[in-house]
Amino acid sequence: MSLSVAAILAESALRRPEHPAIVFDSRRFSYRTLWDGARRYAAVLRRHGIGPGDRVALLLPNTPQFPMVYFGALALGAVTVPVHGLLRADEIGYVLKDSEAKALICAAPLLDEGAKAAEAVGTPLFTVTGEHSTGVRLDRLAEQAAPIAHFVPRDPGDVAVVLYTSGTTGRPKGAMLTHLNIVMNVDTSMLSPFDFRPDDVLLGCLPLFHSFGQICGMSTCFRAGATMALMERFDAARALDLMVRENCTLLMGVPTMLLALLAEARTDPRRPPLDRVFSGGSALPVRVLEEFQETFGCTIYEGYGLTETSPTVAYNQRAWPCRPGTVGRPIWGVTAEIARAEVEGRIELLGPGEVGEIVIRGHNVMAGYLNRPQATAEVIVDGWFRSGDLGVKDAEGYLTIVDRKKDIVLRGGYNVYPREVEEVLLGHPAIAQVAVIGVPHERHGEEVCAVVVPRPGTTPGPALSRQLVVWARERMGGHKYPRRVEFVDAFPLGPSGKVLKRELVRRFSDAA
């Protein structure tokens, strides 16, 4: 038996060769053009020694080159490792080394960090776009290459994509998603909740390196043979203009995007023919949901997913009544239940109305963390994936996210992992101790706040706060560094000496 994520693009290119797969900067790329480009990229990569099972890292923004490289590598039977576009060189280098990437394919605008990372760890560098790029120009070579004939068949259990995600301890971990994981998540969610049809036009405003934009957006859109109006980066005014111009019927976004579109709609009276909107990444306030629906005249469906679950777990959808404030019911073939959060090593399920940890099983659960058997064993227990999120399920099966068991900060739809930020901040000579928390923020949902115990002899205050923010910004991704710094003499501690972050959150949320 064989199965490949590459078939998502290949089959649509056979069925709808001339239909536009992507609209980008007013250019239209048909399915035939996109798949032909992917097979040409594959030919060049194969010539440079890339084959089945090899890991290929992608540091690419939202451009047509992303799907060409992504599906091109998959067509060879290689494993794609999309890299977060906001990471710094050290962080990129860690991903390259940990994944044992055979190549880094980097867009010219991201070479400042990408090239440094590749050189530091000895990863061969390929570039796309840009006249004066360093490394092997993959796109130029692809123009002259004969495309490979067909994609390489893979076993359903073979790893297709490794997506890096962090826990509250240690460095980021690579979640291994199989061809079966992704194809099943795409096929299932295409029907429901997303209800994708060939004549749909999706606003592609989510980053393609992220599971929401990459799998729910790009891959599901391509599976349906629909069109993605792709934005290199989200901007509310340009997004509204693009949706109107291309007659977008479908939008996927995080709450910060929906808030920005609402604000733009107050001054721009034009409305696209949106039929449905899917929100994820962080909780959407019911007030915002209702205002957006009234303004744009379409339903918003809120859902829930994780990188480790390929990613969709549950969604509100047309198949049953929409319940604002909940994330709906699990998708077909997936079970999500509530388990006793404090019990380690086994799963004890709870009944309706009881709060506990959300646990998941089904076709969407990852194969495990790359090279991390212990970390895998901690989260996959008795056949269930432990999400680390707290939730409650009602008698009708609707799931509500209550809180996060972990201390993850969700800033603008991106996960920020406090421990990772704390480890970087502790390198500053003025910091004795630091606790990173999330505090409420109107635009981003949560803001990253560093609560600092300064070293003796250091003067806390606005000047030091600014210095720490600048210092942090230079050393970590743009979504991670703290925009807010608070000083305390000592942390509140629990009986075991653990910092009580909830007390800090309460204190500084009130102060905000």
Protein backbone atom coordinates (compact mmCIF):
# COMPACT_ATOMS: atom_id res chain seq x y z
CA MET A 1 0.00 0.00 0.00
CA SER A 2 1.28 3.46 -0.82
CA LEU A 3 0.16 6.99 -0.06
CA SER A 4 1.76 10.40 -0.61
CA VAL A 5 0.91 13.95 0.36
CA ALA A 6 2.35 14.88 -3.06
CA ALA A 7 -0.80 13.36 -4.62
CA ILE A 8 -2.78 16.33 -3.25
CA LEU A 9 -1.25 18.62 -5.87
CA ALA A 10 -0.58 15.96 -8.52
CA GLU A 11 -4.19 14.73 -8.74
CA SER A 12 -5.68 18.23 -8.89
CA ALA A 13 -3.22 19.06 -11.69
CA LEU A 14 -4.65 16.06 -13.59
CA ARG A 15 -8.30 16.94 -12.88
CA ARG A 16 -8.13 20.73 -13.28
CA PRO A 17 -4.88 21.54 -15.10
CA GLU A 18 -5.86 25.04 -16.24
CA HIS A 19 -7.75 26.11 -13.10
CA PRO A 20 -5.89 28.73 -11.01
CA ALA A 21 -4.32 27.13 -7.93
CA ILE A 22 -2.74 30.38 -6.71
CA VAL A 23 -3.26 34.06 -7.34
CA PHE A 24 -0.22 36.05 -6.20
CA ASP A 25 0.55 39.70 -6.96
CA SER A 26 -2.08 39.62 -9.75
CA ARG A 27 -0.31 36.61 -11.37
CA ARG A 28 -2.23 33.38 -11.81
CA PHE A 29 -0.56 29.99 -11.40
CA SER A 30 -2.58 27.07 -12.77
CA TYR A 31 -2.47 23.61 -11.21
CA ARG A 32 -0.49 22.41 -14.23
CA THR A 33 2.10 25.20 -13.73
CA LEU A 34 2.39 24.60 -10.00
CA TRP A 35 2.83 20.82 -10.27
CA ASP A 36 5.23 21.21 -13.19
CA GLY A 37 7.30 23.62 -11.08
CA ALA A 38 7.26 21.21 -8.13
CA ARG A 39 8.52 18.36 -10.34
CA ARG A 40 11.28 20.57 -11.75
CA TYR A 41 12.42 21.50 -8.24
CA ALA A 42 12.34 17.78 -7.43
CA ALA A 43 14.58 17.02 -10.40
CA VAL A 44 17.22 19.54 -9.23
CA LEU A 45 17.10 18.31 -5.63
CA ARG A 46 17.46 14.69 -6.79
CA ARG A 47 20.49 15.70 -8.85
CA HIS A 48 21.98 17.12 -5.63
CA GLY A 49 21.53 13.87 -3.75
CA ILE A 50 18.13 14.33 -2.08
CA GLY A 51 16.09 11.14 -1.96
CA PRO A 52 13.40 9.26 0.01
CA GLY A 53 13.51 9.89 3.76
CA ASP A 54 15.97 12.82 3.53
CA ARG A 55 14.90 15.90 5.45
CA VAL A 56 14.69 19.18 3.56
CA ALA A 57 14.26 22.41 5.54
CA LEU A 58 12.20 25.25 4.04
CA LEU A 59 12.74 28.86 5.13
CA LEU A 60 10.29 30.48 2.76
CA PRO A 61 7.64 33.23 2.99
CA ASN A 62 4.17 33.02 1.43
CA THR A 63 5.04 32.94 -2.27
CA PRO A 64 4.30 30.40 -5.04
CA GLN A 65 7.79 28.97 -4.42
CA PHE A 66 6.60 27.55 -1.08
CA PRO A 67 4.18 24.96 -2.55
CA MET A 68 6.58 24.20 -5.41
CA VAL A 69 9.41 23.39 -3.01
CA TYR A 70 7.12 21.71 -0.46
CA PHE A 71 5.42 19.36 -2.94
CA GLY A 72 8.63 18.98 -4.95
CA ALA A 73 10.49 17.59 -1.93
CA LEU A 74 7.53 15.37 -1.04
CA ALA A 75 7.42 14.10 -4.64
CA LEU A 76 10.95 12.71 -4.11
CA GLY A 77 9.78 10.91 -0.99
CA ALA A 78 11.78 13.39 1.12
CA VAL A 79 10.54 14.85 4.41
CA THR A 80 9.83 18.59 4.52
CA VAL A 81 10.83 20.60 7.58
CA PRO A 82 9.15 24.04 7.33
CA VAL A 83 11.00 26.61 9.47
CA HIS A 84 9.30 29.51 11.23
CA GLY A 85 10.02 32.66 9.23
CA LEU A 86 10.68 34.84 12.28
CA LEU A 87 13.47 32.74 13.79
CA ARG A 88 17.03 33.97 14.31
CA ALA A 89 20.15 32.21 13.04
CA ASP A 90 20.82 30.25 16.24
CA GLU A 91 17.22 29.04 16.34
CA ILE A 92 17.26 28.05 12.66
CA GLY A 93 20.60 26.29 13.17
CA TYR A 94 19.10 24.27 16.02
CA VAL A 95 16.27 23.03 13.76
CA LEU A 96 18.71 22.17 10.95
CA LYS A 97 20.98 20.22 13.29
CA ASP A 98 18.20 18.49 15.23
CA SER A 99 16.39 17.40 12.07
CA GLU A 100 19.67 16.42 10.36
CA ALA A 101 18.49 18.39 7.33
CA LYS A 102 20.26 17.47 4.08
CA ALA A 103 19.46 20.91 2.65
CA LEU A 104 18.06 24.32 3.57
CA ILE A 105 16.00 26.00 0.87
CA CYS A 106 15.89 29.69 1.73
CA ALA A 107 14.24 32.69 0.09
CA ALA A 108 16.51 35.66 -0.59
CA PRO A 109 14.77 38.00 1.91
CA LEU A 110 15.47 35.50 4.73
CA LEU A 111 19.12 34.84 3.87
CA ASP A 112 20.52 37.14 6.58
CA GLU A 113 19.55 34.60 9.22
CA GLY A 114 19.23 31.49 7.03
CA ALA A 115 22.68 31.63 5.46
CA LYS A 116 24.35 32.16 8.84
CA ALA A 117 22.49 29.17 10.26
CA ALA A 118 23.32 26.90 7.32
CA GLU A 119 27.01 27.85 7.44
CA ALA A 120 27.21 27.38 11.21
CA VAL A 121 25.92 23.78 11.11
CA GLY A 122 27.24 22.81 7.67
CA THR A 123 23.89 22.37 5.90
CA PRO A 124 23.97 22.77 2.08
CA LEU A 125 22.14 25.98 1.10
CA PHE A 126 19.79 26.41 -1.85
CA THR A 127 18.14 29.74 -2.58
CA VAL A 128 15.07 30.92 -4.46
CA THR A 129 14.36 34.46 -5.72
CA GLY A 130 16.78 37.38 -5.46
CA GLU A 131 19.41 38.39 -8.00
CA HIS A 132 22.44 38.26 -5.71
CA SER A 133 21.59 35.21 -3.60
CA THR A 134 24.32 33.04 -2.14
CA GLY A 135 24.13 29.24 -2.37
CA VAL A 136 22.79 27.14 -5.24
CA ARG A 137 19.99 28.97 -7.13
CA LEU A 138 17.32 26.27 -7.06
CA ASP A 139 14.74 28.26 -9.01
CA ARG A 140 17.15 29.08 -11.85
CA LEU A 141 18.28 25.46 -12.17
CA ALA A 142 14.65 24.30 -12.07
CA GLU A 143 13.81 26.45 -15.10
CA GLN A 144 16.26 24.37 -17.17
CA ALA A 145 15.47 20.97 -15.60
CA ALA A 146 13.25 18.26 -17.04
CA PRO A 147 10.50 17.52 -14.48
CA ILE A 148 10.47 14.12 -12.77
CA ALA A 149 7.78 11.85 -14.25
CA HIS A 150 5.82 11.03 -11.09
CA PHE A 151 5.99 11.25 -7.34
CA VAL A 152 7.75 8.49 -5.39
CA PRO A 153 5.26 6.16 -3.63
CA ARG A 154 5.50 6.13 0.15
CA ASP A 155 4.13 3.91 2.91
CA PRO A 156 1.20 5.56 4.75
CA GLY A 157 3.20 5.40 7.99
CA ASP A 158 6.26 7.12 6.52
CA VAL A 159 6.97 10.60 7.86
CA ALA A 160 6.02 13.39 5.42
CA VAL A 161 6.54 16.57 7.44
CA VAL A 162 8.37 17.51 10.63
CA LEU A 163 6.94 20.61 12.31
CA TYR A 164 8.83 22.07 15.25
CA THR A 165 6.91 22.88 18.39
CA SER A 166 8.04 23.53 21.95
CA GLY A 167 6.95 22.39 25.36
CA THR A 168 7.44 24.35 28.53
CA THR A 169 10.80 22.67 29.06
CA GLY A 170 13.82 22.38 26.83
CA ARG A 171 14.32 23.17 23.17
CA PRO A 172 11.72 22.83 20.38
CA LYS A 173 10.71 19.30 19.39
CA GLY A 174 9.99 18.04 15.88
CA ALA A 175 6.48 16.59 15.58
CA MET A 176 6.57 13.83 12.95
CA LEU A 177 3.45 13.86 10.78
CA THR A 178 2.97 10.89 8.48
CA HIS A 179 1.50 10.82 4.97
CA LEU A 180 -1.57 9.14 6.50
CA ASN A 181 -1.88 11.83 9.20
CA ILE A 182 -1.90 14.67 6.70
CA VAL A 183 -3.91 13.06 3.90
CA MET A 184 -6.61 11.95 6.34
CA ASN A 185 -6.74 15.37 8.04
CA VAL A 186 -7.00 17.08 4.65
CA ASP A 187 -9.58 14.68 3.18
CA THR A 188 -11.70 14.69 6.33
CA SER A 189 -11.68 18.42 7.01
CA MET A 190 -12.18 19.27 3.32
CA LEU A 191 -15.65 17.74 3.60
CA SER A 192 -16.42 18.97 7.10
CA PRO A 193 -15.80 21.43 8.70
CA PHE A 194 -14.27 23.38 5.79
CA ASP A 195 -16.77 22.24 3.14
CA PHE A 196 -14.26 23.11 0.38
CA ARG A 197 -15.63 23.14 -3.17
CA PRO A 198 -13.77 23.51 -6.49
CA ASP A 199 -15.21 26.98 -7.10
CA ASP A 200 -14.11 28.33 -3.69
CA VAL A 201 -11.52 31.07 -3.39
CA LEU A 202 -9.56 31.09 -0.12
CA LEU A 203 -7.74 34.13 1.23
CA GLY A 204 -4.28 32.69 1.96
CA CYS A 205 -3.22 35.07 4.72
CA LEU A 206 -1.89 32.54 7.24
CA PRO A 207 1.84 31.70 7.15
CA LEU A 208 2.44 28.53 5.14
CA PHE A 209 5.22 27.37 7.49
CA HIS A 210 2.53 26.95 10.19
CA SER A 211 0.21 23.91 10.30
CA PHE A 212 -2.98 26.02 10.10
CA GLY A 213 -1.94 27.78 6.88
CA GLN A 214 -0.04 24.83 5.41
CA ILE A 215 -2.43 21.91 5.99
CA CYS A 216 -5.86 23.41 6.69
CA GLY A 217 -5.33 26.19 4.16
CA MET A 218 -2.97 25.35 1.29
CA SER A 219 -3.25 21.56 1.18
CA THR A 220 -7.02 21.36 1.73
CA CYS A 221 -7.57 24.07 -0.89
CA PHE A 222 -5.40 22.18 -3.39
CA ARG A 223 -7.11 18.87 -2.58
CA ALA A 224 -10.44 20.45 -3.53
CA GLY A 225 -8.99 21.94 -6.72
CA ALA A 226 -9.96 25.42 -5.45
CA THR A 227 -8.02 28.70 -5.64
CA MET A 228 -5.86 30.36 -2.98
CA ALA A 229 -5.43 34.15 -3.16
CA LEU A 230 -2.03 34.25 -1.46
CA MET A 231 -0.68 37.14 0.62
CA GLU A 232 3.03 37.33 1.42
CA ARG A 233 2.11 38.82 4.79
CA PHE A 234 -1.18 39.84 6.36
CA ASP A 235 -2.26 43.46 6.13
CA ALA A 236 -5.92 44.23 6.79
CA ALA A 237 -6.37 46.89 4.07
CA ARG A 238 -4.66 44.73 1.43
CA ALA A 239 -6.55 41.64 2.63
CA LEU A 240 -9.93 43.31 2.25
CA ASP A 241 -8.97 44.66 -1.17
CA LEU A 242 -7.75 41.22 -2.31
CA MET A 243 -10.88 39.47 -1.03
CA VAL A 244 -13.09 41.92 -2.92
CA ARG A 245 -11.00 41.75 -6.11
CA GLU A 246 -10.76 37.94 -6.20
CA ASN A 247 -14.26 37.26 -4.85
CA CYS A 248 -13.01 35.26 -1.88
CA THR A 249 -15.63 32.90 -0.49
CA LEU A 250 -13.60 31.49 2.37
CA LEU A 251 -11.29 32.92 5.05
CA MET A 252 -9.13 31.14 7.61
CA GLY A 253 -7.49 33.30 10.23
CA VAL A 254 -6.52 33.89 13.82
CA PRO A 255 -8.49 36.31 16.02
CA THR A 256 -5.96 39.16 15.57
CA MET A 257 -6.58 39.06 11.81
CA LEU A 258 -10.35 39.13 12.26
CA LEU A 259 -10.06 42.11 14.63
CA ALA A 260 -7.91 43.99 12.11
CA LEU A 261 -10.38 43.24 9.28
CA LEU A 262 -13.24 44.53 11.45
CA ALA A 263 -11.37 47.78 12.05
CA GLU A 264 -10.65 48.15 8.33
CA ALA A 265 -14.29 47.48 7.43
CA ARG A 266 -15.34 50.54 9.45
CA THR A 267 -13.67 52.81 6.90
CA ASP A 268 -13.94 50.65 3.76
CA PRO A 269 -17.57 49.89 2.78
CA ARG A 270 -16.67 47.15 0.25
CA ARG A 271 -17.52 43.57 1.19
CA PRO A 272 -16.27 40.33 -0.38
CA PRO A 273 -18.74 37.48 -1.05
CA LEU A 274 -17.53 35.54 2.02
CA ASP A 275 -19.57 32.43 2.69
CA ARG A 276 -17.76 31.17 5.81
CA VAL A 277 -14.85 31.99 8.10
CA PHE A 278 -12.78 29.57 10.20
CA SER A 279 -11.03 30.87 13.28
CA GLY A 280 -8.28 29.07 15.19
CA GLY A 281 -4.98 29.59 16.97
CA SER A 282 -6.43 31.19 20.10
CA ALA A 283 -9.79 31.93 21.66
CA LEU A 284 -12.09 34.26 19.74
CA PRO A 285 -14.17 36.52 22.01
CA VAL A 286 -17.88 35.94 21.36
CA ARG A 287 -18.37 39.73 21.04
CA VAL A 288 -15.86 39.85 18.15
CA LEU A 289 -17.43 36.79 16.51
CA GLU A 290 -20.88 38.39 16.56
CA GLU A 291 -19.65 41.76 15.27
CA PHE A 292 -17.69 40.12 12.43
CA GLN A 293 -20.68 38.02 11.38
CA GLU A 294 -22.90 41.10 11.33
CA THR A 295 -20.33 43.18 9.41
CA PHE A 296 -19.41 40.60 6.76
CA GLY A 297 -22.68 38.67 6.62
CA CYS A 298 -21.20 35.20 7.05
CA THR A 299 -20.81 32.60 9.79
CA ILE A 300 -17.62 32.19 11.79
CA TYR A 301 -16.77 28.65 12.85
CA GLU A 302 -14.31 28.35 15.72
CA GLY A 303 -12.18 25.24 16.17
CA TYR A 304 -9.23 23.62 17.87
CA GLY A 305 -6.08 21.85 16.77
CA LEU A 306 -2.43 21.26 17.59
CA THR A 307 0.72 20.72 15.55
CA GLU A 308 0.90 17.19 16.96
CA THR A 309 -2.61 16.41 15.68
CA SER A 310 -1.97 17.28 12.01
CA PRO A 311 -3.56 19.78 13.13
CA THR A 312 -7.40 19.69 13.25
CA VAL A 313 -9.11 18.12 16.28
CA ALA A 314 -12.54 19.74 16.58
CA TYR A 315 -14.56 22.46 14.88
CA ASN A 316 -17.94 24.06 14.78
CA GLN A 317 -19.35 23.19 11.38
CA ARG A 318 -22.46 23.25 9.21
CA ALA A 319 -23.30 19.64 10.05
CA TRP A 320 -24.73 20.70 13.42
CA PRO A 321 -25.75 23.86 15.31
CA CYS A 322 -22.88 26.32 15.80
CA ARG A 323 -22.11 27.04 19.47
CA PRO A 324 -20.11 30.28 19.90
CA GLY A 325 -17.67 30.03 22.79
CA THR A 326 -17.03 26.34 22.07
CA VAL A 327 -14.68 24.72 19.52
CA GLY A 328 -17.43 22.38 18.34
CA ARG A 329 -17.21 18.61 18.10
CA PRO A 330 -14.31 16.39 17.00
CA ILE A 331 -13.90 15.87 13.25
CA TRP A 332 -14.72 12.51 11.62
CA GLY A 333 -12.47 9.68 12.78
CA VAL A 334 -11.11 11.62 15.76
CA THR A 335 -12.08 11.22 19.41
CA ALA A 336 -11.44 13.97 21.96
CA GLU A 337 -12.21 13.33 25.61
CA ILE A 338 -11.47 14.86 28.99
CA ALA A 339 -9.05 13.07 31.32
CA ARG A 340 -7.89 13.65 34.87
CA ALA A 341 -5.06 16.17 34.35
CA GLU A 342 -3.06 15.38 37.47
CA VAL A 343 -2.78 11.64 36.79
CA GLU A 344 0.52 10.71 35.10
CA GLY A 345 1.33 7.53 33.18
CA ARG A 346 -2.25 6.51 32.42
CA ILE A 347 -5.51 8.02 31.15
CA GLU A 348 -8.50 8.34 33.48
CA LEU A 349 -11.45 9.67 31.51
CA LEU A 350 -13.95 12.06 33.08
CA GLY A 351 -17.63 12.59 32.33
CA PRO A 352 -19.55 15.46 30.73
CA GLY A 353 -19.23 18.78 32.54
CA GLU A 354 -15.98 17.87 34.32
CA VAL A 355 -12.85 19.96 33.70
CA GLY A 356 -9.66 18.10 32.85
CA GLU A 357 -6.97 17.64 30.22
CA ILE A 358 -8.07 17.25 26.61
CA VAL A 359 -6.85 13.89 25.25
CA ILE A 360 -7.10 12.89 21.59
CA ARG A 361 -6.90 9.72 19.52
CA GLY A 362 -7.50 9.06 15.84
CA HIS A 363 -5.89 9.26 12.42
CA ASN A 364 -4.50 12.71 13.20
CA VAL A 365 -2.15 11.89 16.10
CA MET A 366 1.53 12.28 15.14
CA ALA A 367 4.01 9.40 14.94
CA GLY A 368 5.96 11.01 17.79
CA TYR A 369 8.68 13.58 18.40
CA LEU A 370 11.80 13.22 16.26
CA ASN A 371 14.63 11.59 18.27
CA ARG A 372 12.65 12.11 21.52
CA PRO A 373 11.28 8.72 22.65
CA GLN A 374 10.92 9.88 26.27
CA ALA A 375 9.04 13.05 25.31
CA THR A 376 6.83 10.96 23.00
CA ALA A 377 6.05 8.47 25.80
CA GLU A 378 5.03 11.34 28.08
CA VAL A 379 2.38 12.67 25.67
CA ILE A 380 1.13 9.49 23.96
CA VAL A 381 -0.31 7.40 26.78
CA ASP A 382 -2.63 4.39 26.43
CA GLY A 383 -3.12 5.35 22.76
CA TRP A 384 -4.21 8.90 23.63
CA PHE A 385 -2.35 12.14 22.91
CA ARG A 386 -2.22 14.37 25.98
CA SER A 387 -2.74 17.92 24.73
CA GLY A 388 -1.69 19.80 27.85
CA ASP A 389 -4.83 21.93 27.41
CA LEU A 390 -7.64 21.99 29.92
CA GLY A 391 -11.19 21.71 28.67
CA VAL A 392 -14.71 20.55 29.34
CA LYS A 393 -17.13 18.56 27.18
CA ASP A 394 -20.89 18.86 27.43
CA ALA A 395 -23.45 16.08 27.13
CA GLU A 396 -23.86 16.77 23.39
CA GLY A 397 -20.12 16.44 22.72
CA TYR A 398 -19.24 20.12 22.30
CA LEU A 399 -15.76 20.95 23.54
CA THR A 400 -14.80 24.16 25.36
CA ILE A 401 -11.20 25.18 26.03
CA VAL A 402 -10.92 26.29 29.64
CA ASP A 403 -7.23 26.98 30.15
CA ARG A 404 -3.78 25.66 29.32
CA LYS A 405 -2.16 23.15 31.57
CA LYS A 406 1.14 24.35 30.22
CA ASP A 407 2.15 27.98 30.46
CA ILE A 408 2.12 28.59 26.71
CA VAL A 409 1.56 32.21 25.70
CA LEU A 410 -0.58 32.58 22.57
CA ARG A 411 0.48 35.82 20.90
CA GLY A 412 -1.36 36.62 17.68
CA GLY A 413 -2.03 32.94 17.01
CA TYR A 414 1.61 31.89 17.54
CA ASN A 415 2.69 29.70 20.44
CA VAL A 416 5.37 31.29 22.62
CA TYR A 417 7.01 28.95 25.10
CA PRO A 418 8.07 30.71 28.33
CA ARG A 419 10.90 28.37 29.25
CA GLU A 420 12.64 28.94 25.91
CA VAL A 421 12.36 32.74 26.29
CA GLU A 422 13.49 32.57 29.92
CA GLU A 423 16.64 30.66 28.97
CA VAL A 424 17.62 33.39 26.51
CA LEU A 425 16.84 36.23 28.94
CA LEU A 426 18.91 34.66 31.68
CA GLY A 427 21.96 35.40 29.54
CA HIS A 428 21.57 39.13 30.28
CA PRO A 429 23.87 40.33 33.11
CA ALA A 430 21.14 42.45 34.74
CA ILE A 431 18.77 39.51 35.30
CA ALA A 432 18.98 37.33 38.39
CA GLN A 433 15.70 35.46 37.83
CA VAL A 434 12.99 35.72 35.23
CA ALA A 435 9.49 34.33 34.73
CA VAL A 436 7.79 34.79 31.37
CA ILE A 437 4.01 35.00 31.38
CA GLY A 438 1.20 35.99 29.05
CA VAL A 439 -0.93 38.99 29.91
CA PRO A 440 -4.14 39.98 28.12
CA HIS A 441 -3.72 42.17 25.06
CA GLU A 442 -6.56 43.64 23.02
CA ARG A 443 -4.93 43.11 19.63
CA HIS A 444 -2.72 40.03 20.06
CA GLY A 445 -4.87 38.10 22.55
CA GLU A 446 -1.88 37.80 24.85
CA GLU A 447 1.38 39.72 25.14
CA VAL A 448 4.69 38.27 26.26
CA CYS A 449 5.67 39.77 29.61
CA ALA A 450 9.00 39.13 31.35
CA VAL A 451 8.82 39.45 35.14
CA VAL A 452 12.40 40.07 36.30
CA VAL A 453 14.20 39.88 39.62
CA PRO A 454 17.22 42.14 38.90
CA ARG A 455 20.74 41.42 40.03
CA PRO A 456 21.98 43.37 43.06
CA GLY A 457 23.40 46.74 42.07
CA THR A 458 21.12 47.00 39.04
CA THR A 459 18.62 49.84 38.87
CA PRO A 460 15.22 48.64 37.65
CA GLY A 461 13.05 51.07 35.71
CA PRO A 462 11.97 52.19 32.22
CA ALA A 463 15.54 52.51 30.90
CA LEU A 464 16.42 48.93 31.84
CA SER A 465 13.07 47.70 30.52
CA ARG A 466 13.81 49.21 27.10
CA GLN A 467 17.33 47.78 27.14
CA LEU A 468 16.04 44.27 27.89
CA VAL A 469 13.41 44.44 25.14
CA VAL A 470 16.01 45.48 22.54
CA TRP A 471 18.46 42.83 23.78
CA ALA A 472 15.80 40.11 23.58
CA ARG A 473 14.60 41.21 20.14
CA GLU A 474 18.09 40.69 18.73
CA ARG A 475 18.26 37.11 20.01
CA MET A 476 14.89 35.53 19.32
CA GLY A 477 12.03 35.40 16.83
CA GLY A 478 9.79 38.41 16.42
CA HIS A 479 6.80 36.60 17.94
CA LYS A 480 8.74 35.50 21.05
CA TYR A 481 10.56 38.43 22.60
CA PRO A 482 8.82 40.25 25.49
CA ARG A 483 7.35 43.65 24.67
CA ARG A 484 6.70 44.24 28.35
CA VAL A 485 9.11 43.95 31.31
CA GLU A 486 8.09 44.19 34.96
CA PHE A 487 10.37 44.13 38.00
CA VAL A 488 9.79 42.41 41.35
CA ASP A 489 11.95 41.87 44.43
CA ALA A 490 10.99 38.20 44.66
CA PHE A 491 8.63 35.70 43.04
CA PRO A 492 5.62 34.15 44.78
CA LEU A 493 6.53 30.50 45.38
CA GLY A 494 4.53 27.36 46.01
CA PRO A 495 5.29 24.69 48.62
CA SER A 496 7.79 22.97 46.33
CA GLY A 497 9.57 26.21 45.50
CA LYS A 498 7.96 26.51 42.07
CA VAL A 499 7.18 30.04 40.86
CA LEU A 500 3.43 30.62 40.99
CA LYS A 501 3.01 32.09 37.52
CA ARG A 502 -0.76 32.32 37.89
CA GLU A 503 -0.28 34.86 40.66
CA LEU A 504 2.04 36.87 38.43
CA VAL A 505 -0.47 36.71 35.60
CA ARG A 506 -3.23 37.92 37.92
CA ARG A 507 -1.10 40.74 39.31
CA PHE A 508 0.18 42.10 36.02
CA SER A 509 -3.06 41.54 34.14
CA ASP A 510 -4.74 43.75 36.72
CA ALA A 511 -1.95 46.30 36.34
CA ALA A 512 -2.51 46.36 32.58
